[in-house]
Amino acid sequence: MGRHILFVEDDHSIASGLIYVLEQEGYTVTYCKDVVTALKKVCEIRFDLALLDMQLPDGLGKEIGQALKRGQTPVIYLTIVDDEDEIVRSLEDGAADYITKPFRVRELLARIKRTLHEEKEASQTLKIGDAVIDAEAGKVYIGDRLITLTALEYRLLLIFAENQDVLLTREQLLERIWDISGDFVEDNTLTVYVKRLRQKLGDAVHITTVRGIGYRVD
């Protein structure tokens, strides 16, 4: 049986075509049209990934996202609202990704595979400065203290951990965080996330800014 995806979308014309594509790719799909039904399924089934329409007849996809967050199920939101503030809020709240409608199916599949690949392959412990990343559990520790990071902050820290002593340009970081098609992201968003990482990690990890180029962790 393939990886199990929860797909919540009230537009049947979108849903039917995408379900077919996902099943052809080998995924098992549980399809729901509203928040109430989806929340029941979340209580019954352990999903590997969720594709959630943001606007549903009886509420918001974020309600389902919050329920899935407790089980650390990665979420990709689908929405017609191409609003940068809303995108950033969703990612800060722990979403794995966010894609606006109409979207290209191949693009969505690439994002799904990327997200599941990261979850699957992250079966190791990485040390960066005085911080330890338990990549299998998706947790970061400084000593015995658990550091709470958003999904994007965690992904950014993983990139730094895998490229220590390497100067990473801002373009390289943005491409790896947002995927190649993430052209809705402004460059200054990266600055915000690096600042938040520094605040949360304190002196445990030294992220050096190389002015006009990018960042390096020594």
N, C-alpha and C. Protein backbone atom coordinates (compact mmCIF):
# COMPACT_ATOMS: atom_id res chain seq x y z
N MET A 1 0.85 -1.21 0.00
CA MET A 1 0.00 0.00 0.00
C MET A 1 0.88 1.24 0.00
N GLY A 2 0.53 2.24 -0.82
CA GLY A 2 1.32 3.46 -0.92
C GLY A 2 1.12 4.38 0.27
N ARG A 3 1.85 5.47 0.25
CA ARG A 3 1.70 6.46 1.31
C ARG A 3 0.26 6.97 1.30
N HIS A 4 -0.29 7.21 2.49
CA HIS A 4 -1.70 7.54 2.63
C HIS A 4 -1.89 9.05 2.71
N ILE A 5 -2.65 9.59 1.76
CA ILE A 5 -2.88 11.03 1.68
C ILE A 5 -4.34 11.36 2.01
N LEU A 6 -4.53 12.32 2.89
CA LEU A 6 -5.87 12.88 3.12
C LEU A 6 -6.04 14.05 2.16
N PHE A 7 -7.09 14.00 1.35
CA PHE A 7 -7.35 15.04 0.35
C PHE A 7 -8.71 15.65 0.64
N VAL A 8 -8.72 16.94 0.97
CA VAL A 8 -9.97 17.62 1.30
C VAL A 8 -10.19 18.75 0.31
N GLU A 9 -11.26 18.64 -0.48
CA GLU A 9 -11.55 19.60 -1.56
C GLU A 9 -13.04 19.51 -1.89
N ASP A 10 -13.72 20.65 -1.89
CA ASP A 10 -15.17 20.62 -2.13
C ASP A 10 -15.53 20.72 -3.61
N ASP A 11 -14.57 21.06 -4.47
CA ASP A 11 -14.82 21.15 -5.90
C ASP A 11 -14.59 19.76 -6.52
N HIS A 12 -15.68 19.08 -6.86
CA HIS A 12 -15.57 17.70 -7.33
C HIS A 12 -14.81 17.59 -8.65
N SER A 13 -14.90 18.61 -9.49
CA SER A 13 -14.20 18.56 -10.78
C SER A 13 -12.68 18.55 -10.57
N ILE A 14 -12.21 19.29 -9.56
CA ILE A 14 -10.79 19.29 -9.24
C ILE A 14 -10.42 17.96 -8.58
N ALA A 15 -11.27 17.55 -7.63
CA ALA A 15 -10.98 16.37 -6.82
C ALA A 15 -10.87 15.10 -7.65
N SER A 16 -11.83 14.86 -8.55
CA SER A 16 -11.87 13.60 -9.28
C SER A 16 -10.61 13.39 -10.12
N GLY A 17 -10.18 14.44 -10.81
CA GLY A 17 -8.99 14.33 -11.64
C GLY A 17 -7.73 14.12 -10.82
N LEU A 18 -7.64 14.83 -9.69
CA LEU A 18 -6.43 14.73 -8.88
C LEU A 18 -6.36 13.39 -8.15
N ILE A 19 -7.50 12.89 -7.71
CA ILE A 19 -7.52 11.57 -7.05
C ILE A 19 -7.00 10.51 -8.02
N TYR A 20 -7.45 10.58 -9.27
CA TYR A 20 -7.00 9.61 -10.29
C TYR A 20 -5.47 9.68 -10.45
N VAL A 21 -4.95 10.90 -10.56
CA VAL A 21 -3.51 11.09 -10.74
C VAL A 21 -2.73 10.55 -9.54
N LEU A 22 -3.20 10.87 -8.34
CA LEU A 22 -2.51 10.43 -7.13
C LEU A 22 -2.50 8.90 -7.02
N GLU A 23 -3.62 8.29 -7.34
CA GLU A 23 -3.69 6.83 -7.27
C GLU A 23 -2.80 6.19 -8.33
N GLN A 24 -2.71 6.82 -9.51
CA GLN A 24 -1.81 6.32 -10.56
C GLN A 24 -0.35 6.40 -10.11
N GLU A 25 -0.06 7.37 -9.23
CA GLU A 25 1.29 7.53 -8.70
C GLU A 25 1.58 6.56 -7.56
N GLY A 26 0.56 5.79 -7.17
CA GLY A 26 0.77 4.77 -6.14
C GLY A 26 0.34 5.18 -4.74
N TYR A 27 -0.28 6.37 -4.60
CA TYR A 27 -0.73 6.81 -3.29
C TYR A 27 -2.11 6.24 -2.96
N THR A 28 -2.35 6.04 -1.67
CA THR A 28 -3.69 5.71 -1.19
C THR A 28 -4.34 7.03 -0.79
N VAL A 29 -5.55 7.30 -1.29
CA VAL A 29 -6.19 8.59 -1.07
C VAL A 29 -7.50 8.43 -0.30
N THR A 30 -7.62 9.20 0.80
CA THR A 30 -8.91 9.33 1.48
C THR A 30 -9.44 10.71 1.15
N TYR A 31 -10.59 10.75 0.49
CA TYR A 31 -11.15 12.02 0.02
C TYR A 31 -12.32 12.48 0.88
N CYS A 32 -12.30 13.75 1.25
CA CYS A 32 -13.41 14.37 2.01
C CYS A 32 -13.77 15.70 1.36
N LYS A 33 -15.03 16.11 1.54
CA LYS A 33 -15.50 17.36 0.95
C LYS A 33 -15.70 18.48 1.96
N ASP A 34 -15.58 18.17 3.25
CA ASP A 34 -15.82 19.20 4.25
C ASP A 34 -14.98 18.95 5.50
N VAL A 35 -15.00 19.94 6.39
CA VAL A 35 -14.18 19.90 7.60
C VAL A 35 -14.64 18.79 8.54
N VAL A 36 -15.93 18.69 8.77
CA VAL A 36 -16.47 17.71 9.73
C VAL A 36 -16.06 16.28 9.37
N THR A 37 -16.25 15.90 8.12
CA THR A 37 -15.88 14.55 7.68
C THR A 37 -14.38 14.33 7.80
N ALA A 38 -13.61 15.34 7.41
CA ALA A 38 -12.15 15.20 7.46
C ALA A 38 -11.65 15.02 8.90
N LEU A 39 -12.23 15.75 9.83
CA LEU A 39 -11.80 15.64 11.23
C LEU A 39 -12.09 14.24 11.79
N LYS A 40 -13.18 13.65 11.35
CA LYS A 40 -13.48 12.27 11.77
C LYS A 40 -12.42 11.32 11.24
N LYS A 41 -12.01 11.51 9.99
CA LYS A 41 -11.00 10.65 9.39
C LYS A 41 -9.64 10.81 10.09
N VAL A 42 -9.34 12.04 10.50
CA VAL A 42 -8.08 12.30 11.20
C VAL A 42 -8.00 11.51 12.50
N CYS A 43 -9.15 11.36 13.14
CA CYS A 43 -9.21 10.59 14.40
C CYS A 43 -9.07 9.09 14.16
N GLU A 44 -9.41 8.65 12.95
CA GLU A 44 -9.43 7.21 12.65
C GLU A 44 -8.17 6.70 11.97
N ILE A 45 -7.51 7.56 11.20
CA ILE A 45 -6.43 7.11 10.31
C ILE A 45 -5.17 7.94 10.54
N ARG A 46 -4.02 7.28 10.45
CA ARG A 46 -2.72 7.98 10.50
C ARG A 46 -2.29 8.27 9.07
N PHE A 47 -2.33 9.54 8.68
CA PHE A 47 -1.99 9.93 7.32
C PHE A 47 -0.51 10.31 7.21
N ASP A 48 0.06 10.09 6.01
CA ASP A 48 1.44 10.48 5.74
C ASP A 48 1.54 11.92 5.26
N LEU A 49 0.44 12.42 4.69
CA LEU A 49 0.42 13.77 4.13
C LEU A 49 -1.04 14.20 3.97
N ALA A 50 -1.29 15.51 4.04
CA ALA A 50 -2.64 16.03 3.80
C ALA A 50 -2.59 17.15 2.77
N LEU A 51 -3.52 17.09 1.80
CA LEU A 51 -3.75 18.18 0.85
C LEU A 51 -5.07 18.82 1.24
N LEU A 52 -5.03 20.07 1.69
CA LEU A 52 -6.21 20.69 2.25
C LEU A 52 -6.59 21.95 1.49
N ASP A 53 -7.82 21.98 0.97
CA ASP A 53 -8.37 23.21 0.41
C ASP A 53 -8.55 24.18 1.58
N MET A 54 -8.20 25.43 1.38
CA MET A 54 -8.29 26.39 2.48
C MET A 54 -9.73 26.80 2.77
N GLN A 55 -10.54 27.00 1.72
CA GLN A 55 -11.92 27.44 1.89
C GLN A 55 -12.87 26.28 1.65
N LEU A 56 -13.55 25.85 2.72
CA LEU A 56 -14.48 24.73 2.62
C LEU A 56 -15.88 25.15 3.03
N PRO A 57 -16.91 24.41 2.64
CA PRO A 57 -18.30 24.83 2.91
C PRO A 57 -18.62 25.05 4.38
N ASP A 58 -17.98 24.28 5.27
CA ASP A 58 -18.30 24.39 6.69
C ASP A 58 -17.14 24.90 7.54
N GLY A 59 -16.17 25.53 6.90
CA GLY A 59 -15.05 26.08 7.68
C GLY A 59 -13.79 26.23 6.87
N LEU A 60 -12.66 26.23 7.56
CA LEU A 60 -11.36 26.44 6.92
C LEU A 60 -10.50 25.19 7.01
N GLY A 61 -9.69 24.99 5.97
CA GLY A 61 -8.76 23.87 5.98
C GLY A 61 -7.81 23.92 7.16
N LYS A 62 -7.56 25.13 7.68
CA LYS A 62 -6.65 25.27 8.82
C LYS A 62 -7.15 24.52 10.06
N GLU A 63 -8.47 24.37 10.17
CA GLU A 63 -9.02 23.61 11.30
C GLU A 63 -8.54 22.17 11.23
N ILE A 64 -8.50 21.61 10.04
CA ILE A 64 -8.01 20.25 9.85
C ILE A 64 -6.50 20.23 10.06
N GLY A 65 -5.84 21.27 9.55
CA GLY A 65 -4.39 21.36 9.69
C GLY A 65 -3.96 21.35 11.15
N GLN A 66 -4.72 22.05 12.00
CA GLN A 66 -4.40 22.07 13.43
C GLN A 66 -4.53 20.69 14.05
N ALA A 67 -5.55 19.95 13.64
CA ALA A 67 -5.74 18.60 14.16
C ALA A 67 -4.61 17.67 13.71
N LEU A 68 -4.17 17.83 12.48
CA LEU A 68 -3.08 17.01 11.95
C LEU A 68 -1.73 17.36 12.56
N LYS A 69 -1.61 18.62 12.99
CA LYS A 69 -0.35 19.10 13.57
C LYS A 69 0.04 18.29 14.79
N ARG A 70 -0.96 17.86 15.55
CA ARG A 70 -0.68 17.09 16.78
C ARG A 70 0.00 15.76 16.47
N GLY A 71 -0.31 15.21 15.29
CA GLY A 71 0.32 13.96 14.88
C GLY A 71 1.51 14.17 13.96
N GLN A 72 1.91 15.44 13.77
CA GLN A 72 3.05 15.82 12.94
C GLN A 72 2.91 15.37 11.48
N THR A 73 1.64 15.35 11.00
CA THR A 73 1.41 15.04 9.59
C THR A 73 1.65 16.28 8.75
N PRO A 74 2.55 16.23 7.75
CA PRO A 74 2.80 17.40 6.92
C PRO A 74 1.57 17.79 6.10
N VAL A 75 1.36 19.10 5.95
CA VAL A 75 0.18 19.63 5.28
C VAL A 75 0.58 20.53 4.12
N ILE A 76 -0.05 20.33 2.97
CA ILE A 76 0.07 21.25 1.85
C ILE A 76 -1.30 21.88 1.62
N TYR A 77 -1.38 23.20 1.69
CA TYR A 77 -2.65 23.89 1.49
C TYR A 77 -2.85 24.23 0.01
N LEU A 78 -4.09 24.06 -0.46
CA LEU A 78 -4.49 24.45 -1.81
C LEU A 78 -5.48 25.60 -1.68
N THR A 79 -5.26 26.69 -2.39
CA THR A 79 -6.17 27.82 -2.23
C THR A 79 -6.16 28.74 -3.44
N ILE A 80 -7.25 29.47 -3.59
CA ILE A 80 -7.31 30.49 -4.65
C ILE A 80 -6.77 31.82 -4.15
N VAL A 81 -6.48 31.92 -2.87
CA VAL A 81 -6.04 33.20 -2.28
C VAL A 81 -4.53 33.32 -2.41
N ASP A 82 -4.10 34.13 -3.37
CA ASP A 82 -2.67 34.33 -3.59
C ASP A 82 -2.22 35.57 -2.81
N ASP A 83 -2.19 35.42 -1.49
CA ASP A 83 -1.88 36.53 -0.60
C ASP A 83 -0.62 36.19 0.20
N GLU A 84 0.43 37.00 0.05
CA GLU A 84 1.71 36.65 0.68
C GLU A 84 1.61 36.57 2.20
N ASP A 85 0.86 37.50 2.81
CA ASP A 85 0.73 37.48 4.28
C ASP A 85 0.08 36.16 4.73
N GLU A 86 -0.93 35.72 4.00
CA GLU A 86 -1.62 34.48 4.35
C GLU A 86 -0.68 33.28 4.15
N ILE A 87 0.11 33.33 3.10
CA ILE A 87 1.08 32.26 2.83
C ILE A 87 2.08 32.16 3.98
N VAL A 88 2.65 33.29 4.37
CA VAL A 88 3.64 33.31 5.45
C VAL A 88 3.02 32.84 6.76
N ARG A 89 1.79 33.28 7.05
CA ARG A 89 1.12 32.86 8.29
C ARG A 89 0.93 31.34 8.31
N SER A 90 0.52 30.78 7.19
CA SER A 90 0.30 29.34 7.12
C SER A 90 1.59 28.57 7.32
N LEU A 91 2.68 29.05 6.71
CA LEU A 91 3.97 28.37 6.85
C LEU A 91 4.52 28.52 8.26
N GLU A 92 4.34 29.70 8.84
CA GLU A 92 4.76 29.91 10.22
C GLU A 92 4.01 28.98 11.17
N ASP A 93 2.78 28.68 10.81
CA ASP A 93 1.94 27.84 11.66
C ASP A 93 2.23 26.35 11.48
N GLY A 94 3.19 26.06 10.62
CA GLY A 94 3.63 24.67 10.50
C GLY A 94 3.33 23.96 9.20
N ALA A 95 2.70 24.66 8.24
CA ALA A 95 2.41 24.00 6.96
C ALA A 95 3.71 23.63 6.24
N ALA A 96 3.69 22.49 5.54
CA ALA A 96 4.87 22.07 4.79
C ALA A 96 4.99 22.85 3.48
N ASP A 97 3.83 23.23 2.91
CA ASP A 97 3.85 23.95 1.63
C ASP A 97 2.47 24.55 1.39
N TYR A 98 2.38 25.35 0.32
CA TYR A 98 1.18 26.14 0.04
C TYR A 98 1.18 26.39 -1.47
N ILE A 99 0.11 26.01 -2.15
CA ILE A 99 0.08 26.19 -3.60
C ILE A 99 -1.25 26.81 -4.02
N THR A 100 -1.19 27.79 -4.91
CA THR A 100 -2.40 28.50 -5.31
C THR A 100 -3.03 27.88 -6.56
N LYS A 101 -4.35 27.97 -6.60
CA LYS A 101 -5.11 27.50 -7.76
C LYS A 101 -5.22 28.62 -8.80
N PRO A 102 -5.27 28.29 -10.08
CA PRO A 102 -5.10 26.94 -10.63
C PRO A 102 -3.63 26.54 -10.60
N PHE A 103 -3.36 25.28 -10.32
CA PHE A 103 -1.98 24.81 -10.25
C PHE A 103 -1.76 23.73 -11.30
N ARG A 104 -0.50 23.52 -11.64
CA ARG A 104 -0.13 22.45 -12.57
C ARG A 104 0.02 21.16 -11.76
N VAL A 105 -0.59 20.10 -12.24
CA VAL A 105 -0.57 18.83 -11.51
C VAL A 105 0.86 18.34 -11.29
N ARG A 106 1.70 18.49 -12.29
CA ARG A 106 3.09 18.04 -12.15
C ARG A 106 3.82 18.81 -11.06
N GLU A 107 3.48 20.10 -10.96
CA GLU A 107 4.09 20.92 -9.90
C GLU A 107 3.65 20.42 -8.53
N LEU A 108 2.36 20.15 -8.39
CA LEU A 108 1.85 19.65 -7.10
C LEU A 108 2.48 18.30 -6.77
N LEU A 109 2.57 17.41 -7.73
CA LEU A 109 3.20 16.10 -7.49
C LEU A 109 4.64 16.25 -7.04
N ALA A 110 5.35 17.20 -7.64
CA ALA A 110 6.75 17.44 -7.25
C ALA A 110 6.83 17.88 -5.79
N ARG A 111 5.89 18.74 -5.39
CA ARG A 111 5.88 19.23 -4.01
C ARG A 111 5.52 18.10 -3.03
N ILE A 112 4.57 17.26 -3.44
CA ILE A 112 4.20 16.12 -2.59
C ILE A 112 5.38 15.19 -2.40
N LYS A 113 6.05 14.85 -3.50
CA LYS A 113 7.18 13.93 -3.43
C LYS A 113 8.33 14.52 -2.62
N ARG A 114 8.52 15.82 -2.78
CA ARG A 114 9.58 16.49 -2.02
C ARG A 114 9.28 16.40 -0.52
N THR A 115 8.06 16.70 -0.15
CA THR A 115 7.68 16.68 1.26
C THR A 115 7.79 15.28 1.85
N LEU A 116 7.26 14.29 1.15
CA LEU A 116 7.32 12.92 1.65
C LEU A 116 8.75 12.39 1.66
N HIS A 117 9.53 12.78 0.69
CA HIS A 117 10.93 12.36 0.63
C HIS A 117 11.68 12.87 1.85
N GLU A 118 11.46 14.12 2.21
CA GLU A 118 12.15 14.69 3.38
C GLU A 118 11.74 13.97 4.64
N GLU A 119 10.44 13.68 4.76
CA GLU A 119 9.98 12.97 5.95
C GLU A 119 10.59 11.57 6.02
N LYS A 120 10.67 10.92 4.87
CA LYS A 120 11.14 9.54 4.83
C LYS A 120 12.63 9.44 5.05
N GLU A 121 13.37 10.35 4.42
CA GLU A 121 14.82 10.23 4.46
C GLU A 121 15.44 10.81 5.72
N ALA A 122 14.66 11.56 6.47
CA ALA A 122 15.21 12.22 7.65
C ALA A 122 15.33 11.25 8.82
N SER A 123 16.15 10.20 8.65
CA SER A 123 16.29 9.18 9.68
C SER A 123 17.69 9.22 10.26
N GLN A 124 18.09 10.36 10.79
CA GLN A 124 19.43 10.51 11.31
C GLN A 124 19.46 11.63 12.34
N THR A 125 20.57 11.68 13.05
CA THR A 125 20.78 12.76 14.01
C THR A 125 21.91 13.64 13.48
N LEU A 126 21.66 14.93 13.44
CA LEU A 126 22.65 15.88 12.95
C LEU A 126 23.03 16.83 14.08
N LYS A 127 24.31 17.20 14.13
CA LYS A 127 24.77 18.16 15.12
C LYS A 127 25.18 19.44 14.40
N ILE A 128 24.72 20.56 14.90
CA ILE A 128 25.10 21.85 14.33
C ILE A 128 25.36 22.79 15.50
N GLY A 129 26.61 23.19 15.65
CA GLY A 129 26.97 23.98 16.82
C GLY A 129 26.70 23.16 18.07
N ASP A 130 25.98 23.75 19.03
CA ASP A 130 25.60 23.05 20.25
C ASP A 130 24.18 22.49 20.17
N ALA A 131 23.60 22.53 18.99
CA ALA A 131 22.25 22.02 18.81
C ALA A 131 22.30 20.63 18.16
N VAL A 132 21.32 19.80 18.51
CA VAL A 132 21.22 18.46 17.93
C VAL A 132 19.86 18.33 17.25
N ILE A 133 19.86 17.88 16.00
CA ILE A 133 18.62 17.69 15.25
C ILE A 133 18.31 16.19 15.21
N ASP A 134 17.21 15.82 15.83
CA ASP A 134 16.71 14.45 15.71
C ASP A 134 15.79 14.45 14.50
N ALA A 135 16.37 14.19 13.32
CA ALA A 135 15.64 14.36 12.07
C ALA A 135 14.53 13.32 11.91
N GLU A 136 14.68 12.16 12.54
CA GLU A 136 13.64 11.15 12.44
C GLU A 136 12.37 11.61 13.16
N ALA A 137 12.56 12.28 14.31
CA ALA A 137 11.42 12.78 15.07
C ALA A 137 11.04 14.20 14.68
N GLY A 138 11.92 14.87 13.90
CA GLY A 138 11.65 16.25 13.50
C GLY A 138 11.76 17.22 14.67
N LYS A 139 12.73 16.96 15.58
CA LYS A 139 12.87 17.80 16.78
C LYS A 139 14.29 18.31 16.90
N VAL A 140 14.41 19.47 17.56
CA VAL A 140 15.71 20.10 17.75
C VAL A 140 15.93 20.34 19.24
N TYR A 141 17.14 19.99 19.70
CA TYR A 141 17.46 20.13 21.13
C TYR A 141 18.74 20.93 21.31
N ILE A 142 18.76 21.72 22.38
CA ILE A 142 19.99 22.32 22.87
C ILE A 142 20.14 21.78 24.29
N GLY A 143 21.10 20.87 24.46
CA GLY A 143 21.17 20.15 25.72
C GLY A 143 19.92 19.27 25.85
N ASP A 144 19.22 19.41 26.96
CA ASP A 144 17.98 18.66 27.16
C ASP A 144 16.75 19.49 26.80
N ARG A 145 16.97 20.70 26.32
CA ARG A 145 15.85 21.61 26.05
C ARG A 145 15.36 21.46 24.61
N LEU A 146 14.06 21.21 24.46
CA LEU A 146 13.45 21.12 23.13
C LEU A 146 13.20 22.52 22.59
N ILE A 147 13.68 22.79 21.38
CA ILE A 147 13.49 24.09 20.73
C ILE A 147 12.32 23.98 19.76
N THR A 148 11.32 24.82 19.95
CA THR A 148 10.14 24.78 19.08
C THR A 148 10.38 25.62 17.83
N LEU A 149 10.35 24.95 16.67
CA LEU A 149 10.54 25.64 15.40
C LEU A 149 9.33 25.40 14.50
N THR A 150 9.05 26.37 13.62
CA THR A 150 8.02 26.16 12.60
C THR A 150 8.60 25.22 11.54
N ALA A 151 7.75 24.73 10.66
CA ALA A 151 8.21 23.82 9.61
C ALA A 151 9.28 24.47 8.73
N LEU A 152 9.10 25.74 8.43
CA LEU A 152 10.06 26.42 7.57
C LEU A 152 11.38 26.66 8.29
N GLU A 153 11.31 27.06 9.57
CA GLU A 153 12.54 27.26 10.35
C GLU A 153 13.31 25.95 10.47
N TYR A 154 12.58 24.87 10.69
CA TYR A 154 13.22 23.56 10.82
C TYR A 154 13.90 23.16 9.50
N ARG A 155 13.21 23.38 8.39
CA ARG A 155 13.77 23.04 7.09
C ARG A 155 15.03 23.87 6.82
N LEU A 156 14.98 25.14 7.19
CA LEU A 156 16.14 26.02 6.99
C LEU A 156 17.32 25.55 7.84
N LEU A 157 17.05 25.16 9.10
CA LEU A 157 18.12 24.68 9.96
C LEU A 157 18.73 23.39 9.41
N LEU A 158 17.90 22.51 8.87
CA LEU A 158 18.41 21.27 8.26
C LEU A 158 19.37 21.57 7.12
N ILE A 159 19.02 22.55 6.30
CA ILE A 159 19.87 22.93 5.17
C ILE A 159 21.22 23.41 5.69
N PHE A 160 21.20 24.25 6.73
CA PHE A 160 22.45 24.73 7.31
C PHE A 160 23.26 23.56 7.89
N ALA A 161 22.58 22.63 8.56
CA ALA A 161 23.26 21.49 9.18
C ALA A 161 23.93 20.59 8.15
N GLU A 162 23.30 20.46 7.00
CA GLU A 162 23.84 19.61 5.94
C GLU A 162 24.91 20.31 5.11
N ASN A 163 25.09 21.61 5.35
CA ASN A 163 26.06 22.39 4.56
C ASN A 163 26.92 23.27 5.47
N GLN A 164 27.40 22.70 6.57
CA GLN A 164 28.21 23.48 7.50
C GLN A 164 29.54 23.86 6.87
N ASP A 165 29.99 25.09 7.16
CA ASP A 165 31.22 25.67 6.59
C ASP A 165 31.10 25.98 5.10
N VAL A 166 29.88 25.90 4.58
CA VAL A 166 29.64 26.21 3.16
C VAL A 166 28.88 27.53 3.07
N LEU A 167 29.36 28.43 2.20
CA LEU A 167 28.65 29.68 1.98
C LEU A 167 27.46 29.41 1.06
N LEU A 168 26.26 29.60 1.59
CA LEU A 168 25.04 29.39 0.81
C LEU A 168 24.47 30.74 0.39
N THR A 169 24.24 30.91 -0.90
CA THR A 169 23.68 32.17 -1.36
C THR A 169 22.20 32.22 -1.00
N ARG A 170 21.67 33.43 -0.98
CA ARG A 170 20.25 33.60 -0.68
C ARG A 170 19.39 32.86 -1.71
N GLU A 171 19.83 32.89 -2.96
CA GLU A 171 19.08 32.21 -4.02
C GLU A 171 19.05 30.69 -3.79
N GLN A 172 20.18 30.13 -3.38
CA GLN A 172 20.23 28.68 -3.11
C GLN A 172 19.27 28.31 -1.97
N LEU A 173 19.26 29.12 -0.94
CA LEU A 173 18.41 28.84 0.21
C LEU A 173 16.94 28.95 -0.16
N LEU A 174 16.59 30.00 -0.90
CA LEU A 174 15.19 30.18 -1.28
C LEU A 174 14.71 29.05 -2.18
N GLU A 175 15.54 28.61 -3.09
CA GLU A 175 15.16 27.51 -3.99
C GLU A 175 14.91 26.23 -3.21
N ARG A 176 15.77 25.97 -2.21
CA ARG A 176 15.65 24.72 -1.46
C ARG A 176 14.50 24.75 -0.46
N ILE A 177 14.18 25.93 0.04
CA ILE A 177 13.08 26.04 1.00
C ILE A 177 11.74 26.02 0.30
N TRP A 178 11.62 26.80 -0.76
CA TRP A 178 10.31 27.03 -1.37
C TRP A 178 10.07 26.22 -2.64
N ASP A 179 11.08 25.46 -3.04
CA ASP A 179 11.00 24.70 -4.28
C ASP A 179 11.19 25.65 -5.47
N ILE A 180 11.51 25.10 -6.60
CA ILE A 180 11.88 25.91 -7.76
C ILE A 180 10.75 26.83 -8.19
N SER A 181 9.50 26.38 -8.04
CA SER A 181 8.36 27.15 -8.52
C SER A 181 7.86 28.18 -7.51
N GLY A 182 8.59 28.38 -6.42
CA GLY A 182 8.10 29.29 -5.38
C GLY A 182 8.39 30.75 -5.67
N ASP A 183 7.93 31.24 -6.80
CA ASP A 183 8.25 32.61 -7.19
C ASP A 183 7.41 33.66 -6.48
N PHE A 184 6.48 33.21 -5.59
CA PHE A 184 5.67 34.18 -4.86
C PHE A 184 6.39 34.70 -3.62
N VAL A 185 7.61 34.21 -3.33
CA VAL A 185 8.31 34.57 -2.11
C VAL A 185 9.23 35.76 -2.35
N GLU A 186 9.15 36.74 -1.49
CA GLU A 186 10.06 37.87 -1.57
C GLU A 186 11.36 37.53 -0.85
N ASP A 187 12.44 38.09 -1.31
CA ASP A 187 13.76 37.79 -0.76
C ASP A 187 13.86 38.12 0.73
N ASN A 188 13.17 39.19 1.15
CA ASN A 188 13.30 39.59 2.56
C ASN A 188 12.64 38.62 3.52
N THR A 189 11.81 37.70 3.00
CA THR A 189 11.22 36.67 3.86
C THR A 189 12.31 35.80 4.46
N LEU A 190 13.35 35.50 3.70
CA LEU A 190 14.45 34.69 4.20
C LEU A 190 15.14 35.38 5.37
N THR A 191 15.32 36.68 5.27
CA THR A 191 15.94 37.45 6.35
C THR A 191 15.15 37.29 7.65
N VAL A 192 13.83 37.32 7.53
CA VAL A 192 12.97 37.18 8.70
C VAL A 192 13.17 35.82 9.37
N TYR A 193 13.23 34.77 8.58
CA TYR A 193 13.36 33.43 9.14
C TYR A 193 14.74 33.17 9.74
N VAL A 194 15.77 33.73 9.13
CA VAL A 194 17.11 33.60 9.70
C VAL A 194 17.16 34.33 11.05
N LYS A 195 16.54 35.49 11.12
CA LYS A 195 16.50 36.25 12.37
C LYS A 195 15.79 35.46 13.46
N ARG A 196 14.68 34.82 13.11
CA ARG A 196 13.93 34.03 14.10
C ARG A 196 14.72 32.81 14.55
N LEU A 197 15.44 32.19 13.62
CA LEU A 197 16.29 31.06 13.99
C LEU A 197 17.35 31.50 14.99
N ARG A 198 17.97 32.63 14.72
CA ARG A 198 19.00 33.15 15.63
C ARG A 198 18.42 33.41 17.02
N GLN A 199 17.23 33.98 17.06
CA GLN A 199 16.60 34.28 18.34
C GLN A 199 16.31 33.01 19.13
N LYS A 200 15.84 31.97 18.44
CA LYS A 200 15.46 30.73 19.12
C LYS A 200 16.67 29.89 19.52
N LEU A 201 17.74 29.95 18.72
CA LEU A 201 18.91 29.12 18.98
C LEU A 201 19.96 29.80 19.84
N GLY A 202 19.88 31.13 19.92
CA GLY A 202 20.82 31.87 20.75
C GLY A 202 22.26 31.66 20.32
N ASP A 203 23.13 31.44 21.31
CA ASP A 203 24.55 31.25 21.03
C ASP A 203 24.89 29.83 20.62
N ALA A 204 23.90 28.94 20.60
CA ALA A 204 24.17 27.53 20.30
C ALA A 204 24.61 27.32 18.86
N VAL A 205 24.08 28.14 17.95
CA VAL A 205 24.43 28.01 16.53
C VAL A 205 24.79 29.39 15.99
N HIS A 206 25.93 29.48 15.35
CA HIS A 206 26.39 30.77 14.83
C HIS A 206 26.12 30.83 13.32
N ILE A 207 25.11 31.61 12.94
CA ILE A 207 24.79 31.81 11.53
C ILE A 207 25.39 33.15 11.11
N THR A 208 26.40 33.09 10.26
CA THR A 208 27.12 34.29 9.84
C THR A 208 26.51 34.86 8.57
N THR A 209 26.23 36.14 8.57
CA THR A 209 25.74 36.81 7.37
C THR A 209 26.94 37.27 6.53
N VAL A 210 26.98 36.86 5.28
CA VAL A 210 28.00 37.33 4.35
C VAL A 210 27.30 38.37 3.47
N ARG A 211 27.56 39.62 3.78
CA ARG A 211 26.81 40.71 3.18
C ARG A 211 26.78 40.66 1.66
N GLY A 212 25.57 40.75 1.12
CA GLY A 212 25.39 40.78 -0.32
C GLY A 212 25.44 39.42 -0.99
N ILE A 213 25.69 38.37 -0.18
CA ILE A 213 25.76 37.02 -0.78
C ILE A 213 24.79 36.05 -0.12
N GLY A 214 24.97 35.81 1.18
CA GLY A 214 24.10 34.83 1.84
C GLY A 214 24.53 34.54 3.25
N TYR A 215 24.57 33.26 3.63
CA TYR A 215 24.85 32.88 5.01
C TYR A 215 25.76 31.66 5.07
N ARG A 216 26.47 31.56 6.21
CA ARG A 216 27.33 30.39 6.44
C ARG A 216 27.27 30.05 7.92
N VAL A 217 27.20 28.75 8.21
CA VAL A 217 27.26 28.28 9.59
C VAL A 217 28.61 27.63 9.80
N ASP A 218 29.40 28.19 10.72
CA ASP A 218 30.76 27.67 10.96
C ASP A 218 30.74 26.62 12.07
